[in-house]
Amino acid sequence: MPGTQGPAIGRYERELAKPTIEVASKLAKFLDVYLDYLVGNSDIEIDKTMSKCIQEISKFPNDYKQHVFAVLDAFIAKSKIRMITT
């Protein structure tokens, strides 16, 4: 990561030191993950494409959001059923 020395990264990896919130934020940005994922608060890695979609959907009027959620719910339900039956 630009601006971070190799020995510092090594200390983070060996858990001999903890990065500041600023450094952790830069690491998450560099690794293209959310800070929650980086620190282990989430096991879900959201990529840029998904993040952009979520950001765009968040700008929709509420009635449009409900339509998007209904379609997603149908796909999720179908996927779960398919996983159970196969």
PDB file of N, CA and C in Angstrom:
ATOM      1  N   MET A   1       0.845  -1.175   0.000  1.00  0.00           N
ATOM      2  CA  MET A   1       0.000   0.000   0.000  1.00  0.00           C
ATOM      3  C   MET A   1       0.889   1.237   0.000  1.00  0.00           C
ATOM      4  N   PRO A   2       0.642   2.176  -0.905  1.00  0.00           N
ATOM      5  CA  PRO A   2       1.461   3.387  -0.960  1.00  0.00           C
ATOM      6  C   PRO A   2       1.431   4.143   0.366  1.00  0.00           C
ATOM      7  N   GLY A   3       2.611   4.570   0.830  1.00  0.00           N
ATOM      8  CA  GLY A   3       2.699   5.356   2.049  1.00  0.00           C
ATOM      9  C   GLY A   3       2.830   4.524   3.317  1.00  0.00           C
ATOM     10  N   THR A   4       2.748   3.217   3.206  1.00  0.00           N
ATOM     11  CA  THR A   4       2.895   2.346   4.369  1.00  0.00           C
ATOM     12  C   THR A   4       4.134   1.488   4.170  1.00  0.00           C
ATOM     13  N   GLN A   5       4.968   1.452   5.185  1.00  0.00           N
ATOM     14  CA  GLN A   5       6.220   0.708   5.108  1.00  0.00           C
ATOM     15  C   GLN A   5       5.974  -0.787   5.306  1.00  0.00           C
ATOM     16  N   GLY A   6       6.755  -1.620   4.637  1.00  0.00           N
ATOM     17  CA  GLY A   6       6.648  -3.074   4.753  1.00  0.00           C
ATOM     18  C   GLY A   6       6.703  -3.585   6.185  1.00  0.00           C
ATOM     19  N   PRO A   7       7.653  -3.079   6.998  1.00  0.00           N
ATOM     20  CA  PRO A   7       7.710  -3.556   8.384  1.00  0.00           C
ATOM     21  C   PRO A   7       6.411  -3.282   9.165  1.00  0.00           C
ATOM     22  N   ALA A   8       5.758  -2.178   8.890  1.00  0.00           N
ATOM     23  CA  ALA A   8       4.498  -1.865   9.579  1.00  0.00           C
ATOM     24  C   ALA A   8       3.428  -2.875   9.193  1.00  0.00           C
ATOM     25  N   ILE A   9       3.337  -3.200   7.918  1.00  0.00           N
ATOM     26  CA  ILE A   9       2.362  -4.192   7.451  1.00  0.00           C
ATOM     27  C   ILE A   9       2.644  -5.534   8.118  1.00  0.00           C
ATOM     28  N   GLY A  10       3.915  -5.899   8.207  1.00  0.00           N
ATOM     29  CA  GLY A  10       4.302  -7.146   8.857  1.00  0.00           C
ATOM     30  C   GLY A  10       3.864  -7.182  10.315  1.00  0.00           C
ATOM     31  N   ARG A  11       4.013  -6.059  11.029  1.00  0.00           N
ATOM     32  CA  ARG A  11       3.573  -6.009  12.434  1.00  0.00           C
ATOM     33  C   ARG A  11       2.065  -6.147  12.538  1.00  0.00           C
ATOM     34  N   TYR A  12       1.326  -5.575  11.589  1.00  0.00           N
ATOM     35  CA  TYR A  12      -0.139  -5.731  11.583  1.00  0.00           C
ATOM     36  C   TYR A  12      -0.496  -7.202  11.354  1.00  0.00           C
ATOM     37  N   GLU A  13       0.179  -7.823  10.401  1.00  0.00           N
ATOM     38  CA  GLU A  13      -0.104  -9.233  10.079  1.00  0.00           C
ATOM     39  C   GLU A  13       0.199 -10.163  11.253  1.00  0.00           C
ATOM     40  N   ARG A  14       1.268  -9.857  11.991  1.00  0.00           N
ATOM     41  CA  ARG A  14       1.641 -10.692  13.145  1.00  0.00           C
ATOM     42  C   ARG A  14       0.910 -10.270  14.419  1.00  0.00           C
ATOM     43  N   GLU A  15       0.014  -9.296  14.290  1.00  0.00           N
ATOM     44  CA  GLU A  15      -0.769  -8.759  15.412  1.00  0.00           C
ATOM     45  C   GLU A  15       0.106  -8.208  16.532  1.00  0.00           C
ATOM     46  N   LEU A  16       1.256  -7.645  16.151  1.00  0.00           N
ATOM     47  CA  LEU A  16       2.137  -6.983  17.103  1.00  0.00           C
ATOM     48  C   LEU A  16       1.778  -5.511  17.237  1.00  0.00           C
ATOM     49  N   ALA A  17       1.047  -5.008  16.267  1.00  0.00           N
ATOM     50  CA  ALA A  17       0.603  -3.611  16.279  1.00  0.00           C
ATOM     51  C   ALA A  17      -0.750  -3.542  15.591  1.00  0.00           C
ATOM     52  N   LYS A  18      -1.484  -2.481  15.916  1.00  0.00           N
ATOM     53  CA  LYS A  18      -2.780  -2.262  15.266  1.00  0.00           C
ATOM     54  C   LYS A  18      -2.717  -0.931  14.520  1.00  0.00           C
ATOM     55  N   PRO A  19      -3.240  -0.915  13.299  1.00  0.00           N
ATOM     56  CA  PRO A  19      -3.223   0.342  12.549  1.00  0.00           C
ATOM     57  C   PRO A  19      -4.206   1.347  13.153  1.00  0.00           C
ATOM     58  N   THR A  20      -3.924   2.607  12.965  1.00  0.00           N
ATOM     59  CA  THR A  20      -4.873   3.645  13.361  1.00  0.00           C
ATOM     60  C   THR A  20      -6.107   3.529  12.476  1.00  0.00           C
ATOM     61  N   ILE A  21      -7.182   4.167  12.849  1.00  0.00           N
ATOM     62  CA  ILE A  21      -8.397   4.118  12.039  1.00  0.00           C
ATOM     63  C   ILE A  21      -8.139   4.716  10.659  1.00  0.00           C
ATOM     64  N   GLU A  22      -7.282   5.721  10.590  1.00  0.00           N
ATOM     65  CA  GLU A  22      -6.953   6.328   9.300  1.00  0.00           C
ATOM     66  C   GLU A  22      -6.222   5.335   8.401  1.00  0.00           C
ATOM     67  N   VAL A  23      -5.259   4.611   8.973  1.00  0.00           N
ATOM     68  CA  VAL A  23      -4.506   3.622   8.198  1.00  0.00           C
ATOM     69  C   VAL A  23      -5.422   2.468   7.803  1.00  0.00           C
ATOM     70  N   ALA A  24      -6.254   2.009   8.747  1.00  0.00           N
ATOM     71  CA  ALA A  24      -7.178   0.909   8.442  1.00  0.00           C
ATOM     72  C   ALA A  24      -8.123   1.308   7.315  1.00  0.00           C
ATOM     73  N   SER A  25      -8.590   2.545   7.350  1.00  0.00           N
ATOM     74  CA  SER A  25      -9.478   3.035   6.294  1.00  0.00           C
ATOM     75  C   SER A  25      -8.769   3.052   4.945  1.00  0.00           C
ATOM     76  N   LYS A  26      -7.520   3.488   4.942  1.00  0.00           N
ATOM     77  CA  LYS A  26      -6.732   3.493   3.699  1.00  0.00           C
ATOM     78  C   LYS A  26      -6.494   2.068   3.200  1.00  0.00           C
ATOM     79  N   LEU A  27      -6.219   1.149   4.129  1.00  0.00           N
ATOM     80  CA  LEU A  27      -6.020  -0.252   3.740  1.00  0.00           C
ATOM     81  C   LEU A  27      -7.281  -0.819   3.102  1.00  0.00           C
ATOM     82  N   ALA A  28      -8.425  -0.541   3.711  1.00  0.00           N
ATOM     83  CA  ALA A  28      -9.689  -1.038   3.166  1.00  0.00           C
ATOM     84  C   ALA A  28      -9.917  -0.471   1.766  1.00  0.00           C
ATOM     85  N   LYS A  29      -9.638   0.805   1.617  1.00  0.00           N
ATOM     86  CA  LYS A  29      -9.815   1.427   0.297  1.00  0.00           C
ATOM     87  C   LYS A  29      -8.853   0.811  -0.715  1.00  0.00           C
ATOM     88  N   PHE A  30      -7.618   0.627  -0.322  1.00  0.00           N
ATOM     89  CA  PHE A  30      -6.605   0.033  -1.207  1.00  0.00           C
ATOM     90  C   PHE A  30      -6.984  -1.391  -1.606  1.00  0.00           C
ATOM     91  N   LEU A  31      -7.504  -2.163  -0.648  1.00  0.00           N
ATOM     92  CA  LEU A  31      -7.895  -3.547  -0.901  1.00  0.00           C
ATOM     93  C   LEU A  31      -9.278  -3.668  -1.521  1.00  0.00           C
ATOM     94  N   ASP A  32      -9.948  -2.527  -1.664  1.00  0.00           N
ATOM     95  CA  ASP A  32     -11.283  -2.468  -2.274  1.00  0.00           C
ATOM     96  C   ASP A  32     -12.314  -3.298  -1.496  1.00  0.00           C
ATOM     97  N   VAL A  33     -12.272  -3.149  -0.165  1.00  0.00           N
ATOM     98  CA  VAL A  33     -13.245  -3.799   0.708  1.00  0.00           C
ATOM     99  C   VAL A  33     -13.751  -2.765   1.707  1.00  0.00           C
ATOM    100  N   TYR A  34     -14.884  -3.078   2.333  1.00  0.00           N
ATOM    101  CA  TYR A  34     -15.389  -2.208   3.384  1.00  0.00           C
ATOM    102  C   TYR A  34     -14.586  -2.438   4.659  1.00  0.00           C
ATOM    103  N   LEU A  35     -14.477  -1.403   5.476  1.00  0.00           N
ATOM    104  CA  LEU A  35     -13.722  -1.493   6.714  1.00  0.00           C
ATOM    105  C   LEU A  35     -14.279  -2.588   7.624  1.00  0.00           C
ATOM    106  N   ASP A  36     -15.602  -2.747   7.683  1.00  0.00           N
ATOM    107  CA  ASP A  36     -16.203  -3.814   8.493  1.00  0.00           C
ATOM    108  C   ASP A  36     -15.685  -5.184   8.073  1.00  0.00           C
ATOM    109  N   TYR A  37     -15.539  -5.405   6.792  1.00  0.00           N
ATOM    110  CA  TYR A  37     -15.017  -6.680   6.297  1.00  0.00           C
ATOM    111  C   TYR A  37     -13.556  -6.836   6.704  1.00  0.00           C
ATOM    112  N   LEU A  38     -12.800  -5.765   6.569  1.00  0.00           N
ATOM    113  CA  LEU A  38     -11.369  -5.815   6.879  1.00  0.00           C
ATOM    114  C   LEU A  38     -11.116  -6.146   8.342  1.00  0.00           C
ATOM    115  N   VAL A  39     -11.928  -5.600   9.248  1.00  0.00           N
ATOM    116  CA  VAL A  39     -11.699  -5.825  10.680  1.00  0.00           C
ATOM    117  C   VAL A  39     -12.451  -7.035  11.212  1.00  0.00           C
ATOM    118  N   GLY A  40     -13.158  -7.747  10.337  1.00  0.00           N
ATOM    119  CA  GLY A  40     -13.808  -8.981  10.748  1.00  0.00           C
ATOM    120  C   GLY A  40     -15.209  -8.824  11.305  1.00  0.00           C
ATOM    121  N   ASN A  41     -15.806  -7.647  11.176  1.00  0.00           N
ATOM    122  CA  ASN A  41     -17.177  -7.439  11.657  1.00  0.00           C
ATOM    123  C   ASN A  41     -18.214  -7.947  10.671  1.00  0.00           C
ATOM    124  N   SER A  42     -17.784  -8.299   9.488  1.00  0.00           N
ATOM    125  CA  SER A  42     -18.689  -8.812   8.465  1.00  0.00           C
ATOM    126  C   SER A  42     -17.955  -9.866   7.651  1.00  0.00           C
ATOM    127  N   ASP A  43     -18.668 -10.915   7.288  1.00  0.00           N
ATOM    128  CA  ASP A  43     -18.047 -11.928   6.436  1.00  0.00           C
ATOM    129  C   ASP A  43     -18.503 -11.775   4.989  1.00  0.00           C
ATOM    130  N   ILE A  44     -19.197 -10.681   4.723  1.00  0.00           N
ATOM    131  CA  ILE A  44     -19.702 -10.415   3.381  1.00  0.00           C
ATOM    132  C   ILE A  44     -18.805  -9.378   2.710  1.00  0.00           C
ATOM    133  N   GLU A  45     -18.226  -9.783   1.598  1.00  0.00           N
ATOM    134  CA  GLU A  45     -17.391  -8.865   0.826  1.00  0.00           C
ATOM    135  C   GLU A  45     -18.229  -8.304  -0.313  1.00  0.00           C
ATOM    136  N   ILE A  46     -18.420  -6.994  -0.292  1.00  0.00           N
ATOM    137  CA  ILE A  46     -19.221  -6.337  -1.331  1.00  0.00           C
ATOM    138  C   ILE A  46     -18.260  -5.702  -2.332  1.00  0.00           C
ATOM    139  N   ASP A  47     -18.363  -6.126  -3.597  1.00  0.00           N
ATOM    140  CA  ASP A  47     -17.470  -5.583  -4.612  1.00  0.00           C
ATOM    141  C   ASP A  47     -17.992  -4.239  -5.126  1.00  0.00           C
ATOM    142  N   LYS A  48     -17.185  -3.596  -5.960  1.00  0.00           N
ATOM    143  CA  LYS A  48     -17.536  -2.267  -6.465  1.00  0.00           C
ATOM    144  C   LYS A  48     -18.843  -2.266  -7.246  1.00  0.00           C
ATOM    145  N   THR A  49     -19.058  -3.295  -8.054  1.00  0.00           N
ATOM    146  CA  THR A  49     -20.278  -3.350  -8.867  1.00  0.00           C
ATOM    147  C   THR A  49     -21.510  -3.394  -7.974  1.00  0.00           C
ATOM    148  N   MET A  50     -21.485  -4.261  -6.970  1.00  0.00           N
ATOM    149  CA  MET A  50     -22.626  -4.366  -6.062  1.00  0.00           C
ATOM    150  C   MET A  50     -22.814  -3.066  -5.281  1.00  0.00           C
ATOM    151  N   SER A  51     -21.725  -2.501  -4.838  1.00  0.00           N
ATOM    152  CA  SER A  51     -21.783  -1.250  -4.081  1.00  0.00           C
ATOM    153  C   SER A  51     -22.401  -0.133  -4.916  1.00  0.00           C
ATOM    154  N   LYS A  52     -22.004  -0.036  -6.184  1.00  0.00           N
ATOM    155  CA  LYS A  52     -22.566   0.996  -7.062  1.00  0.00           C
ATOM    156  C   LYS A  52     -24.062   0.784  -7.257  1.00  0.00           C
ATOM    157  N   CYS A  53     -24.482  -0.467  -7.416  1.00  0.00           N
ATOM    158  CA  CYS A  53     -25.911  -0.764  -7.571  1.00  0.00           C
ATOM    159  C   CYS A  53     -26.689  -0.353  -6.331  1.00  0.00           C
ATOM    160  N   ILE A  54     -26.153  -0.699  -5.168  1.00  0.00           N
ATOM    161  CA  ILE A  54     -26.822  -0.348  -3.914  1.00  0.00           C
ATOM    162  C   ILE A  54     -26.922   1.166  -3.775  1.00  0.00           C
ATOM    163  N   GLN A  55     -25.859   1.869  -4.121  1.00  0.00           N
ATOM    164  CA  GLN A  55     -25.883   3.325  -4.033  1.00  0.00           C
ATOM    165  C   GLN A  55     -26.922   3.927  -4.978  1.00  0.00           C
ATOM    166  N   GLU A  56     -27.019   3.392  -6.181  1.00  0.00           N
ATOM    167  CA  GLU A  56     -28.010   3.892  -7.136  1.00  0.00           C
ATOM    168  C   GLU A  56     -29.434   3.600  -6.655  1.00  0.00           C
ATOM    169  N   ILE A  57     -29.657   2.387  -6.156  1.00  0.00           N
ATOM    170  CA  ILE A  57     -30.992   2.026  -5.663  1.00  0.00           C
ATOM    171  C   ILE A  57     -31.388   2.916  -4.494  1.00  0.00           C
ATOM    172  N   SER A  58     -30.431   3.273  -3.652  1.00  0.00           N
ATOM    173  CA  SER A  58     -30.740   4.116  -2.491  1.00  0.00           C
ATOM    174  C   SER A  58     -31.249   5.497  -2.898  1.00  0.00           C
ATOM    175  N   LYS A  59     -30.984   5.908  -4.123  1.00  0.00           N
ATOM    176  CA  LYS A  59     -31.448   7.207  -4.623  1.00  0.00           C
ATOM    177  C   LYS A  59     -32.856   7.148  -5.211  1.00  0.00           C
ATOM    178  N   PHE A  60     -33.371   5.930  -5.423  1.00  0.00           N
ATOM    179  CA  PHE A  60     -34.700   5.764  -6.020  1.00  0.00           C
ATOM    180  C   PHE A  60     -35.787   6.259  -5.072  1.00  0.00           C
ATOM    181  N   PRO A  61     -36.907   6.670  -5.635  1.00  0.00           N
ATOM    182  CA  PRO A  61     -38.081   6.945  -4.784  1.00  0.00           C
ATOM    183  C   PRO A  61     -38.514   5.640  -4.109  1.00  0.00           C
ATOM    184  N   ASN A  62     -39.189   5.748  -2.967  1.00  0.00           N
ATOM    185  CA  ASN A  62     -39.556   4.566  -2.189  1.00  0.00           C
ATOM    186  C   ASN A  62     -40.365   3.542  -2.974  1.00  0.00           C
ATOM    187  N   ASP A  63     -41.289   3.996  -3.830  1.00  0.00           N
ATOM    188  CA  ASP A  63     -42.091   3.017  -4.568  1.00  0.00           C
ATOM    189  C   ASP A  63     -41.227   2.240  -5.568  1.00  0.00           C
ATOM    190  N   TYR A  64     -40.223   2.871  -6.162  1.00  0.00           N
ATOM    191  CA  TYR A  64     -39.311   2.165  -7.059  1.00  0.00           C
ATOM    192  C   TYR A  64     -38.469   1.159  -6.270  1.00  0.00           C
ATOM    193  N   LYS A  65     -38.000   1.587  -5.075  1.00  0.00           N
ATOM    194  CA  LYS A  65     -37.214   0.686  -4.236  1.00  0.00           C
ATOM    195  C   LYS A  65     -38.019  -0.565  -3.908  1.00  0.00           C
ATOM    196  N   GLN A  66     -39.294  -0.406  -3.605  1.00  0.00           N
ATOM    197  CA  GLN A  66     -40.129  -1.551  -3.260  1.00  0.00           C
ATOM    198  C   GLN A  66     -40.226  -2.533  -4.421  1.00  0.00           C
ATOM    199  N   HIS A  67     -40.290  -2.012  -5.632  1.00  0.00           N
ATOM    200  CA  HIS A  67     -40.321  -2.887  -6.816  1.00  0.00           C
ATOM    201  C   HIS A  67     -39.001  -3.653  -6.955  1.00  0.00           C
ATOM    202  N   VAL A  68     -37.889  -2.954  -6.768  1.00  0.00           N
ATOM    203  CA  VAL A  68     -36.580  -3.603  -6.850  1.00  0.00           C
ATOM    204  C   VAL A  68     -36.469  -4.688  -5.782  1.00  0.00           C
ATOM    205  N   PHE A  69     -36.892  -4.384  -4.559  1.00  0.00           N
ATOM    206  CA  PHE A  69     -36.820  -5.353  -3.468  1.00  0.00           C
ATOM    207  C   PHE A  69     -37.708  -6.559  -3.735  1.00  0.00           C
ATOM    208  N   ALA A  70     -38.867  -6.333  -4.320  1.00  0.00           N
ATOM    209  CA  ALA A  70     -39.767  -7.450  -4.638  1.00  0.00           C
ATOM    210  C   ALA A  70     -39.113  -8.393  -5.647  1.00  0.00           C
ATOM    211  N   VAL A  71     -38.468  -7.837  -6.660  1.00  0.00           N
ATOM    212  CA  VAL A  71     -37.788  -8.662  -7.660  1.00  0.00           C
ATOM    213  C   VAL A  71     -36.622  -9.418  -7.013  1.00  0.00           C
ATOM    214  N   LEU A  72     -35.843  -8.719  -6.191  1.00  0.00           N
ATOM    215  CA  LEU A  72     -34.724  -9.376  -5.510  1.00  0.00           C
ATOM    216  C   LEU A  72     -35.216 -10.484  -4.582  1.00  0.00           C
ATOM    217  N   ASP A  73     -36.285 -10.217  -3.843  1.00  0.00           N
ATOM    218  CA  ASP A  73     -36.850 -11.237  -2.953  1.00  0.00           C
ATOM    219  C   ASP A  73     -37.253 -12.480  -3.741  1.00  0.00           C
ATOM    220  N   ALA A  74     -37.842 -12.279  -4.915  1.00  0.00           N
ATOM    221  CA  ALA A  74     -38.251 -13.422  -5.743  1.00  0.00           C
ATOM    222  C   ALA A  74     -37.035 -14.223  -6.199  1.00  0.00           C
ATOM    223  N   PHE A  75     -35.984 -13.543  -6.625  1.00  0.00           N
ATOM    224  CA  PHE A  75     -34.763 -14.241  -7.039  1.00  0.00           C
ATOM    225  C   PHE A  75     -34.132 -14.987  -5.862  1.00  0.00           C
ATOM    226  N   ILE A  76     -34.105 -14.355  -4.700  1.00  0.00           N
ATOM    227  CA  ILE A  76     -33.519 -14.989  -3.518  1.00  0.00           C
ATOM    228  C   ILE A  76     -34.314 -16.238  -3.143  1.00  0.00           C
ATOM    229  N   ALA A  77     -35.645 -16.117  -3.122  1.00  0.00           N
ATOM    230  CA  ALA A  77     -36.491 -17.268  -2.785  1.00  0.00           C
ATOM    231  C   ALA A  77     -36.283 -18.402  -3.781  1.00  0.00           C
ATOM    232  N   LYS A  78     -36.254 -18.070  -5.067  1.00  0.00           N
ATOM    233  CA  LYS A  78     -36.039 -19.079  -6.088  1.00  0.00           C
ATOM    234  C   LYS A  78     -34.685 -19.764  -5.914  1.00  0.00           C
ATOM    235  N   SER A  79     -33.687 -18.989  -5.606  1.00  0.00           N
ATOM    236  CA  SER A  79     -32.346 -19.524  -5.405  1.00  0.00           C
ATOM    237  C   SER A  79     -32.302 -20.463  -4.199  1.00  0.00           C
ATOM    238  N   LYS A  80     -32.948 -20.081  -3.109  1.00  0.00           N
ATOM    239  CA  LYS A  80     -32.978 -20.928  -1.919  1.00  0.00           C
ATOM    240  C   LYS A  80     -33.714 -22.236  -2.187  1.00  0.00           C
ATOM    241  N   ILE A  81     -34.823 -22.156  -2.910  1.00  0.00           N
ATOM    242  CA  ILE A  81     -35.560 -23.356  -3.259  1.00  0.00           C
ATOM    243  C   ILE A  81     -34.716 -24.264  -4.125  1.00  0.00           C
ATOM    244  N   ARG A  82     -34.037 -23.703  -5.092  1.00  0.00           N
ATOM    245  CA  ARG A  82     -33.175 -24.482  -5.986  1.00  0.00           C
ATOM    246  C   ARG A  82     -32.059 -25.175  -5.203  1.00  0.00           C
ATOM    247  N   MET A  83     -31.489 -24.491  -4.211  1.00  0.00           N
ATOM    248  CA  MET A  83     -30.417 -25.077  -3.409  1.00  0.00           C
ATOM    249  C   MET A  83     -30.951 -26.238  -2.563  1.00  0.00           C
ATOM    250  N   ILE A  84     -32.174 -26.128  -2.091  1.00  0.00           N
ATOM    251  CA  ILE A  84     -32.749 -27.183  -1.256  1.00  0.00           C
ATOM    252  C   ILE A  84     -33.081 -28.416  -2.097  1.00  0.00           C
ATOM    253  N   THR A  85     -33.561 -28.197  -3.309  1.00  0.00           N
ATOM    254  CA  THR A  85     -34.042 -29.310  -4.134  1.00  0.00           C
ATOM    255  C   THR A  85     -32.939 -29.958  -4.975  1.00  0.00           C
ATOM    256  N   THR A  86     -31.752 -29.404  -4.970  1.00  0.00           N
ATOM    257  CA  THR A  86     -30.680 -30.020  -5.771  1.00  0.00           C
ATOM    258  C   THR A  86     -29.639 -30.670  -4.892  1.00  0.00           C
TER     259      THR A  86
END
